[in-house]
Amino acid sequence: MVRQIKIKVGNKTKRLYFIDAMRAWAILMMLQGHFVDGLLDTAFRDDSNLVFAVWKYFRGITAPVFFTVSGFIFTYLLVRGDKQGLKNPRVKKGIKRGLELLFIGYLLRMNLFGLLQGELYASFYLVDVLHCIGLSLLGIIGVYLISQKYRKSFFPLVLLGTTIILFIFEPLYKTWGFAFLPDALANYLTKSNGSVFTIFPWFGYAAFGGFVSLMFTKFKDFSYLYPTAIAIAVLGGFGLIFGSSDLFLTLSGVTGIQLFADVFFNNYLFIRLGDVLLVFAVFMLLRSLLKNPTVLKIGQSTLSIYIVHFIILYGSFTGLGLYKFLHHSLTPTLAISGALAFMAISTYTALQYEKHKVSIKLGLTTAGKYVWLHSEIIGVNALEFAKDRVYRLLRRVGLVKN
């Protein structure tokens, strides 16, 4: 979503600047992360190097933050009005938005050269960030509609429970190949075919963002909302980062359930969730400083920025992107300077599009109507010409009369 969020505190309505700032930070981290990861020479990928190790860790935080914030924003807007269930206009808008993200996700993976040959390459069916976020929004809507039959606490509890269940059972379902499904569907559930993201477990982060959003909504009139939220986020974040692994090891020893041990040996989901909470805490703490118009505009234009960066880096539609020509070939100096330039160009281009979006869409619509009108005229003339030639031929062979 591209709207700014407001929340009522006491008798005042304050804008949640920190959410847009978090999205701006996440999309910029994504840009530089994709650029460096795709173009940095493998010879310089040394985990023992402190700079590279720190960069790699923070790169791993980007997607969880982005999914969580997306779930937060969407859920907040979903429950903001007075109307409930299917009467809520946000349901229809949300379904449209989710399907739109799915469509754009596939569109960006389309190759025009392949289409001209009547072929869709296998990469077209791979699942990426937009696919999973779009499906996550639809999933949140589904939970929202089901929860209308129950108490208000049902909706946040199901969202939180979904996160916990998806994260705990990840060692189990990640081994499933889903070979019985067509690749186009299996790619949403397994990375075995090359998908970058899968709906499970990533829906868990979006669901958690929805849960946090509902907590903000419920306690919006609490005088110490931010101090309390910051304290909970810090304690919860450090607890998940440093304590969740030991908790699952203890649970495995007490219950004898192997699944808990499997989570302990690869506990990245809960640790990353802890990282997300700490990022929330930092941005909430600095919320009064995060009101720069450009930063906020970047946070509200993440979809456009993502599309532009995908075209430049991966060569959507043509396959002619930076990734094709510079894949794993840059030195650290070139990768860093190139990433900064790439971030600036992608962001500036997207913001210019957002600034002139109305006129651009109007121009495209006008051009489309012009082309359609003239194609109709050309088609009619071509049909008349062909019909005249056919009648002349038929008259010559004596099949029709004048």
Protein backbone atom coordinates (compact mmCIF):
# COMPACT_ATOMS: atom_id res chain seq x y z
CA MET A 1 0.00 0.00 0.00
CA VAL A 2 1.18 3.54 -0.63
CA ARG A 3 -0.84 5.51 1.90
CA GLN A 4 0.54 6.99 5.06
CA ILE A 5 -0.82 5.59 8.30
CA LYS A 6 -2.33 7.63 11.09
CA ILE A 7 -3.06 6.48 14.60
CA LYS A 8 -4.99 8.25 17.31
CA VAL A 9 -3.12 8.90 20.57
CA GLY A 10 -5.27 10.54 23.20
CA ASN A 11 -7.27 13.22 21.46
CA LYS A 12 -4.68 13.75 18.75
CA THR A 13 -4.18 11.95 15.48
CA LYS A 14 -0.54 11.27 14.78
CA ARG A 15 0.97 9.85 11.66
CA LEU A 16 3.06 6.71 12.01
CA TYR A 17 6.12 8.16 10.34
CA PHE A 18 8.30 5.35 11.60
CA ILE A 19 6.43 2.77 9.49
CA ASP A 20 7.09 4.62 6.22
CA ALA A 21 10.69 5.18 7.33
CA MET A 22 11.06 1.45 7.99
CA ARG A 23 9.77 0.65 4.53
CA ALA A 24 12.16 3.18 3.02
CA TRP A 25 15.06 1.60 4.89
CA ALA A 26 13.97 -1.91 3.89
CA ILE A 27 13.62 -1.12 0.17
CA LEU A 28 17.00 0.65 0.06
CA MET A 29 18.58 -2.30 1.86
CA MET A 30 16.95 -4.58 -0.70
CA LEU A 31 18.35 -2.56 -3.60
CA GLN A 32 21.93 -2.61 -2.39
CA GLY A 33 21.60 -6.20 -1.22
CA HIS A 34 20.43 -7.45 -4.60
CA PHE A 35 23.10 -5.42 -6.41
CA VAL A 36 26.04 -6.53 -4.27
CA ASP A 37 24.90 -10.14 -3.96
CA GLY A 38 24.38 -10.45 -7.70
CA LEU A 39 27.46 -8.62 -8.95
CA LEU A 40 30.20 -8.99 -6.29
CA ASP A 41 32.93 -11.42 -7.35
CA THR A 42 32.75 -14.70 -5.41
CA ALA A 43 36.43 -14.34 -4.53
CA PHE A 44 35.51 -11.54 -2.12
CA ARG A 45 32.74 -13.41 -0.32
CA ASP A 46 34.57 -14.22 2.88
CA ASP A 47 32.49 -14.81 6.00
CA SER A 48 35.59 -14.34 8.16
CA ASN A 49 35.78 -10.73 6.92
CA LEU A 50 34.01 -8.59 9.52
CA VAL A 51 32.64 -6.07 7.00
CA PHE A 52 31.22 -8.77 4.74
CA ALA A 53 29.81 -10.71 7.70
CA VAL A 54 28.01 -7.62 9.05
CA TRP A 55 26.68 -6.77 5.57
CA LYS A 56 25.46 -10.34 5.10
CA TYR A 57 23.69 -10.37 8.47
CA PHE A 58 21.88 -7.10 7.85
CA ARG A 59 20.96 -8.20 4.34
CA GLY A 60 19.20 -11.16 5.94
CA ILE A 61 17.06 -8.78 7.99
CA THR A 62 15.68 -6.93 4.97
CA ALA A 63 13.03 -9.39 3.74
CA PRO A 64 11.61 -10.18 7.21
CA VAL A 65 11.25 -6.45 7.92
CA PHE A 66 9.63 -5.82 4.54
CA PHE A 67 7.10 -8.64 4.95
CA THR A 68 6.30 -7.64 8.53
CA VAL A 69 5.79 -3.97 7.68
CA SER A 70 3.63 -4.92 4.68
CA GLY A 71 1.41 -7.01 6.94
CA PHE A 72 1.31 -4.20 9.50
CA ILE A 73 0.20 -1.53 7.02
CA PHE A 74 -2.32 -3.71 5.23
CA THR A 75 -3.98 -4.95 8.43
CA TYR A 76 -4.14 -1.50 9.96
CA LEU A 77 -5.96 -0.14 6.92
CA LEU A 78 -8.17 -3.23 6.79
CA VAL A 79 -9.62 -2.74 10.29
CA ARG A 80 -9.55 1.04 10.42
CA GLY A 81 -13.16 1.71 9.32
CA ASP A 82 -16.46 0.97 11.02
CA LYS A 83 -17.75 -1.55 8.47
CA GLN A 84 -16.98 -5.20 9.02
CA GLY A 85 -16.76 -8.35 6.93
CA LEU A 86 -17.63 -8.22 3.25
CA LYS A 87 -19.20 -4.78 3.75
CA ASN A 88 -15.74 -3.42 4.50
CA PRO A 89 -14.55 -1.66 1.30
CA ARG A 90 -10.97 -2.51 2.26
CA VAL A 91 -11.70 -6.17 1.59
CA LYS A 92 -12.39 -5.54 -2.08
CA LYS A 93 -9.45 -3.16 -2.35
CA GLY A 94 -7.21 -5.67 -0.61
CA ILE A 95 -8.19 -8.50 -2.93
CA LYS A 96 -7.54 -6.24 -5.90
CA ARG A 97 -4.16 -5.25 -4.45
CA GLY A 98 -3.14 -8.84 -3.77
CA LEU A 99 -4.04 -9.95 -7.29
CA GLU A 100 -2.28 -6.90 -8.71
CA LEU A 101 0.95 -7.84 -6.92
CA LEU A 102 0.69 -11.39 -8.25
CA PHE A 103 0.16 -10.07 -11.78
CA ILE A 104 3.12 -7.68 -11.55
CA GLY A 105 5.27 -10.45 -10.10
CA TYR A 106 4.65 -12.62 -13.15
CA LEU A 107 4.87 -9.66 -15.53
CA LEU A 108 8.38 -8.80 -14.32
CA ARG A 109 9.50 -12.36 -15.07
CA MET A 110 8.16 -12.30 -18.60
CA ASN A 111 10.62 -12.36 -21.51
CA LEU A 112 9.42 -10.74 -24.74
CA PHE A 113 11.93 -12.65 -26.87
CA GLY A 114 10.52 -15.90 -25.56
CA LEU A 115 6.96 -14.74 -26.22
CA LEU A 116 7.85 -13.92 -29.83
CA GLN A 117 8.90 -17.55 -30.16
CA GLY A 118 5.69 -18.73 -28.53
CA GLU A 119 7.45 -19.85 -25.36
CA LEU A 120 7.26 -19.02 -21.65
CA TYR A 121 10.61 -19.72 -20.01
CA ALA A 122 10.70 -21.75 -16.78
CA SER A 123 11.85 -18.66 -14.86
CA PHE A 124 8.43 -17.10 -15.52
CA TYR A 125 6.86 -19.52 -13.05
CA LEU A 126 9.34 -18.85 -10.22
CA VAL A 127 7.98 -17.14 -7.11
CA ASP A 128 9.50 -13.96 -5.71
CA VAL A 129 8.76 -11.24 -3.13
CA LEU A 130 5.75 -9.72 -4.89
CA HIS A 131 4.05 -13.09 -5.36
CA CYS A 132 4.38 -13.93 -1.66
CA ILE A 133 3.31 -10.50 -0.43
CA GLY A 134 0.29 -10.54 -2.74
CA LEU A 135 -0.72 -13.98 -1.52
CA SER A 136 -0.04 -12.94 2.09
CA LEU A 137 -2.48 -10.03 1.75
CA LEU A 138 -5.11 -12.42 0.45
CA GLY A 139 -4.34 -14.75 3.36
CA ILE A 140 -4.81 -11.95 5.91
CA ILE A 141 -8.15 -11.09 4.28
CA GLY A 142 -9.20 -14.72 4.56
CA VAL A 143 -8.35 -14.84 8.27
CA TYR A 144 -10.13 -11.50 8.77
CA LEU A 145 -13.34 -12.75 7.14
CA ILE A 146 -13.33 -16.01 9.09
CA SER A 147 -12.73 -14.15 12.36
CA GLN A 148 -15.93 -12.11 11.95
CA LYS A 149 -17.89 -15.01 13.44
CA TYR A 150 -15.88 -14.92 16.66
CA ARG A 151 -14.71 -12.51 19.35
CA LYS A 152 -12.39 -9.64 18.45
CA SER A 153 -9.45 -11.41 20.06
CA PHE A 154 -9.75 -14.26 17.54
CA PHE A 155 -8.23 -12.31 14.64
CA PRO A 156 -4.93 -11.30 16.35
CA LEU A 157 -4.58 -14.70 18.04
CA VAL A 158 -4.93 -16.55 14.74
CA LEU A 159 -2.35 -14.26 13.11
CA LEU A 160 0.13 -14.78 15.94
CA GLY A 161 -0.60 -18.50 16.05
CA THR A 162 -0.05 -18.75 12.29
CA THR A 163 3.41 -17.21 12.68
CA ILE A 164 4.40 -19.58 15.48
CA ILE A 165 3.10 -22.69 13.73
CA LEU A 166 4.70 -21.85 10.38
CA PHE A 167 8.04 -21.15 12.03
CA ILE A 168 8.05 -24.24 14.25
CA PHE A 169 7.04 -26.67 11.50
CA GLU A 170 9.42 -25.18 8.89
CA PRO A 171 12.01 -27.99 9.29
CA LEU A 172 9.24 -30.45 8.40
CA TYR A 173 7.53 -28.93 5.37
CA LYS A 174 10.70 -27.49 3.80
CA THR A 175 11.73 -31.05 2.91
CA TRP A 176 8.54 -31.71 0.95
CA GLY A 177 9.04 -31.60 -2.81
CA PHE A 178 5.38 -31.22 -3.84
CA ALA A 179 6.18 -33.14 -7.02
CA PHE A 180 2.49 -34.03 -7.43
CA LEU A 181 1.69 -30.36 -8.15
CA PRO A 182 2.35 -28.48 -11.39
CA ASP A 183 5.55 -26.45 -11.13
CA ALA A 184 3.58 -23.19 -11.29
CA LEU A 185 1.86 -24.13 -8.00
CA ALA A 186 4.69 -26.08 -6.41
CA ASN A 187 6.95 -23.04 -6.72
CA TYR A 188 4.86 -21.31 -4.06
CA LEU A 189 5.70 -24.11 -1.60
CA THR A 190 9.23 -25.28 -2.43
CA LYS A 191 12.51 -23.72 -3.54
CA SER A 192 13.62 -26.90 -5.31
CA ASN A 193 12.75 -25.43 -8.73
CA GLY A 194 14.52 -22.12 -8.10
CA SER A 195 11.95 -19.93 -6.36
CA VAL A 196 13.53 -17.21 -4.24
CA PHE A 197 10.68 -17.08 -1.71
CA THR A 198 7.84 -19.42 -0.78
CA ILE A 199 4.54 -18.54 0.85
CA PHE A 200 5.50 -20.74 3.81
CA PRO A 201 7.18 -19.59 6.04
CA TRP A 202 7.16 -16.01 4.72
CA PHE A 203 3.46 -15.54 5.32
CA GLY A 204 4.41 -15.87 8.99
CA TYR A 205 6.17 -12.49 8.97
CA ALA A 206 3.24 -10.76 7.26
CA ALA A 207 0.86 -12.35 9.76
CA PHE A 208 3.05 -11.16 12.64
CA GLY A 209 2.99 -7.65 11.18
CA GLY A 210 -0.79 -7.86 11.14
CA PHE A 211 -0.78 -8.95 14.80
CA VAL A 212 1.43 -6.01 15.82
CA SER A 213 -0.82 -3.65 13.88
CA LEU A 214 -3.89 -4.90 15.75
CA MET A 215 -2.08 -4.36 19.07
CA PHE A 216 -1.33 -0.77 18.05
CA THR A 217 -4.97 -0.30 17.11
CA LYS A 218 -6.26 -1.79 20.36
CA PHE A 219 -4.05 0.31 22.62
CA LYS A 220 -4.07 3.49 20.51
CA ASP A 221 -5.44 5.57 23.42
CA PHE A 222 -2.84 4.33 25.90
CA SER A 223 -0.81 7.30 27.17
CA TYR A 224 2.48 5.37 27.22
CA LEU A 225 1.95 3.52 23.96
CA TYR A 226 5.39 4.12 22.49
CA PRO A 227 7.50 3.66 25.64
CA THR A 228 5.68 0.39 26.32
CA ALA A 229 5.88 -0.78 22.71
CA ILE A 230 9.62 0.02 22.57
CA ALA A 231 10.29 -1.86 25.80
CA ILE A 232 8.32 -4.91 24.63
CA ALA A 233 10.04 -4.86 21.24
CA VAL A 234 13.52 -4.66 22.82
CA LEU A 235 12.86 -7.40 25.36
CA GLY A 236 11.10 -9.59 22.82
CA GLY A 237 13.78 -9.00 20.21
CA PHE A 238 16.72 -9.87 22.44
CA GLY A 239 14.75 -12.75 23.92
CA LEU A 240 14.14 -14.30 20.50
CA ILE A 241 17.71 -13.70 19.30
CA PHE A 242 19.52 -15.04 22.34
CA GLY A 243 16.93 -17.21 24.07
CA SER A 244 14.70 -18.93 21.51
CA SER A 245 17.28 -21.53 20.47
CA ASP A 246 17.87 -22.62 24.07
CA LEU A 247 14.12 -22.75 24.61
CA PHE A 248 13.64 -25.21 21.75
CA LEU A 249 16.60 -27.28 22.90
CA THR A 250 15.00 -27.51 26.35
CA LEU A 251 11.63 -28.40 24.86
CA SER A 252 13.27 -31.14 22.81
CA GLY A 253 14.94 -32.59 25.88
CA VAL A 254 11.78 -32.48 28.00
CA THR A 255 9.32 -33.76 25.39
CA GLY A 256 11.60 -35.88 23.23
CA ILE A 257 10.09 -34.30 20.12
CA GLN A 258 12.65 -34.19 17.32
CA LEU A 259 10.96 -31.24 15.65
CA PHE A 260 12.06 -28.93 18.47
CA ALA A 261 15.63 -30.11 18.05
CA ASP A 262 15.41 -29.45 14.30
CA VAL A 263 14.30 -25.88 15.02
CA PHE A 264 17.23 -25.48 17.42
CA PHE A 265 19.78 -26.51 14.79
CA ASN A 266 18.45 -24.02 12.22
CA ASN A 267 16.61 -21.38 14.21
CA TYR A 268 16.83 -18.55 11.70
CA LEU A 269 13.12 -17.70 11.56
CA PHE A 270 12.66 -16.82 15.24
CA ILE A 271 16.04 -15.08 15.37
CA ARG A 272 15.11 -12.96 12.37
CA LEU A 273 11.79 -12.19 14.04
CA GLY A 274 13.82 -10.90 16.98
CA ASP A 275 15.79 -8.73 14.57
CA VAL A 276 12.53 -7.34 13.20
CA LEU A 277 11.39 -6.39 16.70
CA LEU A 278 14.67 -4.57 17.35
CA VAL A 279 14.29 -2.68 14.06
CA PHE A 280 10.78 -1.70 15.16
CA ALA A 281 12.20 -0.50 18.48
CA VAL A 282 14.90 1.62 16.81
CA PHE A 283 12.50 3.29 14.39
CA MET A 284 9.90 3.91 17.10
CA LEU A 285 12.60 5.43 19.30
CA LEU A 286 13.70 7.76 16.47
CA ARG A 287 10.17 8.45 15.22
CA SER A 288 10.36 12.21 15.89
CA LEU A 289 13.39 12.45 13.60
CA LEU A 290 11.92 10.43 10.73
CA LYS A 291 9.79 13.09 9.07
CA ASN A 292 11.94 13.93 6.07
CA PRO A 293 9.55 14.23 3.09
CA THR A 294 11.88 12.36 0.73
CA VAL A 295 12.31 9.46 3.16
CA LEU A 296 8.56 9.23 3.66
CA LYS A 297 7.95 9.38 -0.09
CA ILE A 298 10.42 6.54 -0.64
CA GLY A 299 8.53 4.51 1.97
CA GLN A 300 5.28 5.14 0.12
CA SER A 301 6.73 4.25 -3.30
CA THR A 302 8.26 0.86 -2.60
CA LEU A 303 6.35 -0.96 -5.35
CA SER A 304 7.52 1.45 -8.06
CA ILE A 305 11.09 1.30 -6.74
CA TYR A 306 10.99 -2.49 -6.73
CA ILE A 307 9.74 -2.62 -10.32
CA VAL A 308 12.39 -0.17 -11.57
CA HIS A 309 15.21 -1.99 -9.78
CA PHE A 310 14.03 -5.35 -11.15
CA ILE A 311 14.06 -4.04 -14.72
CA ILE A 312 17.52 -2.45 -14.42
CA LEU A 313 19.21 -5.24 -12.49
CA TYR A 314 17.56 -8.40 -13.82
CA GLY A 315 16.42 -7.18 -17.24
CA SER A 316 12.69 -7.79 -17.06
CA PHE A 317 11.03 -8.25 -20.48
CA THR A 318 14.34 -8.41 -22.38
CA GLY A 319 16.76 -10.29 -20.12
CA LEU A 320 19.26 -7.49 -20.74
CA GLY A 321 20.04 -6.32 -17.22
CA LEU A 322 23.16 -5.64 -15.20
CA TYR A 323 22.95 -9.17 -13.82
CA LYS A 324 23.49 -10.63 -17.30
CA PHE A 325 26.61 -8.61 -18.10
CA LEU A 326 28.26 -8.15 -14.66
CA HIS A 327 27.22 -11.28 -12.78
CA HIS A 328 29.76 -11.96 -9.96
CA SER A 329 32.45 -9.84 -11.60
CA LEU A 330 32.87 -6.66 -9.51
CA THR A 331 35.48 -5.82 -6.89
CA PRO A 332 34.25 -4.56 -3.50
CA THR A 333 35.04 -0.95 -4.44
CA LEU A 334 33.06 -1.15 -7.67
CA ALA A 335 30.25 -3.10 -5.98
CA ILE A 336 29.84 -0.52 -3.21
CA SER A 337 30.03 2.52 -5.49
CA GLY A 338 27.81 0.80 -8.04
CA ALA A 339 25.25 -0.10 -5.37
CA LEU A 340 25.04 3.53 -4.23
CA ALA A 341 24.54 4.71 -7.81
CA PHE A 342 22.01 1.94 -8.44
CA MET A 343 20.03 2.92 -5.34
CA ALA A 344 20.02 6.58 -6.38
CA ILE A 345 18.99 5.90 -9.99
CA SER A 346 16.27 3.38 -9.11
CA THR A 347 14.82 5.57 -6.38
CA TYR A 348 14.94 8.79 -8.41
CA THR A 349 13.32 7.12 -11.42
CA ALA A 350 10.54 5.64 -9.30
CA LEU A 351 9.87 8.92 -7.47
CA GLN A 352 9.69 10.78 -10.78
CA TYR A 353 7.18 8.21 -11.99
CA GLU A 354 5.11 8.65 -8.81
CA LYS A 355 5.27 12.43 -9.25
CA HIS A 356 3.98 12.30 -12.81
CA LYS A 357 1.97 9.09 -12.53
CA VAL A 358 -1.39 10.64 -13.39
CA SER A 359 -0.13 12.35 -16.55
CA ILE A 360 1.86 9.25 -17.58
CA LYS A 361 -1.18 7.01 -17.22
CA LEU A 362 -3.31 9.54 -19.10
CA GLY A 363 -0.74 9.66 -21.90
CA LEU A 364 -0.57 5.88 -22.12
CA THR A 365 -4.36 5.65 -22.16
CA THR A 366 -4.58 8.27 -24.92
CA ALA A 367 -1.86 6.54 -26.93
CA GLY A 368 -3.62 3.21 -26.50
CA LYS A 369 -6.92 4.62 -27.71
CA TYR A 370 -5.16 6.26 -30.68
CA VAL A 371 -3.46 3.02 -31.66
CA TRP A 372 -6.70 1.06 -31.21
CA LEU A 373 -8.70 3.54 -33.30
CA HIS A 374 -6.21 3.53 -36.16
CA SER A 375 -5.79 -0.22 -35.99
CA GLU A 376 -9.56 -0.53 -36.46
CA ILE A 377 -9.43 1.78 -39.50
CA ILE A 378 -6.50 -0.12 -40.95
CA GLY A 379 -8.27 -3.41 -40.26
CA VAL A 380 -11.46 -2.28 -42.00
CA ASN A 381 -9.53 -1.01 -45.02
CA ALA A 382 -7.49 -4.21 -45.17
CA LEU A 383 -10.69 -6.27 -44.98
CA GLU A 384 -12.33 -4.28 -47.79
CA PHE A 385 -9.19 -4.62 -49.89
CA ALA A 386 -9.01 -8.37 -49.30
CA LYS A 387 -12.73 -8.80 -49.99
CA ASP A 388 -12.43 -6.92 -53.30
CA ARG A 389 -9.50 -9.09 -54.38
CA VAL A 390 -11.33 -12.29 -53.43
CA TYR A 391 -14.45 -11.28 -55.42
CA ARG A 392 -12.33 -10.45 -58.45
CA LEU A 393 -10.68 -13.85 -58.25
CA LEU A 394 -14.04 -15.62 -57.87
CA ARG A 395 -15.45 -13.72 -60.87
CA ARG A 396 -12.51 -14.76 -63.00
CA VAL A 397 -13.06 -18.42 -62.29
CA GLY A 398 -16.79 -18.03 -62.83
CA LEU A 399 -17.92 -18.84 -59.33
CA VAL A 400 -19.79 -15.54 -58.86
CA LYS A 401 -21.47 -13.04 -61.14
CA ASN A 402 -21.08 -9.27 -61.23
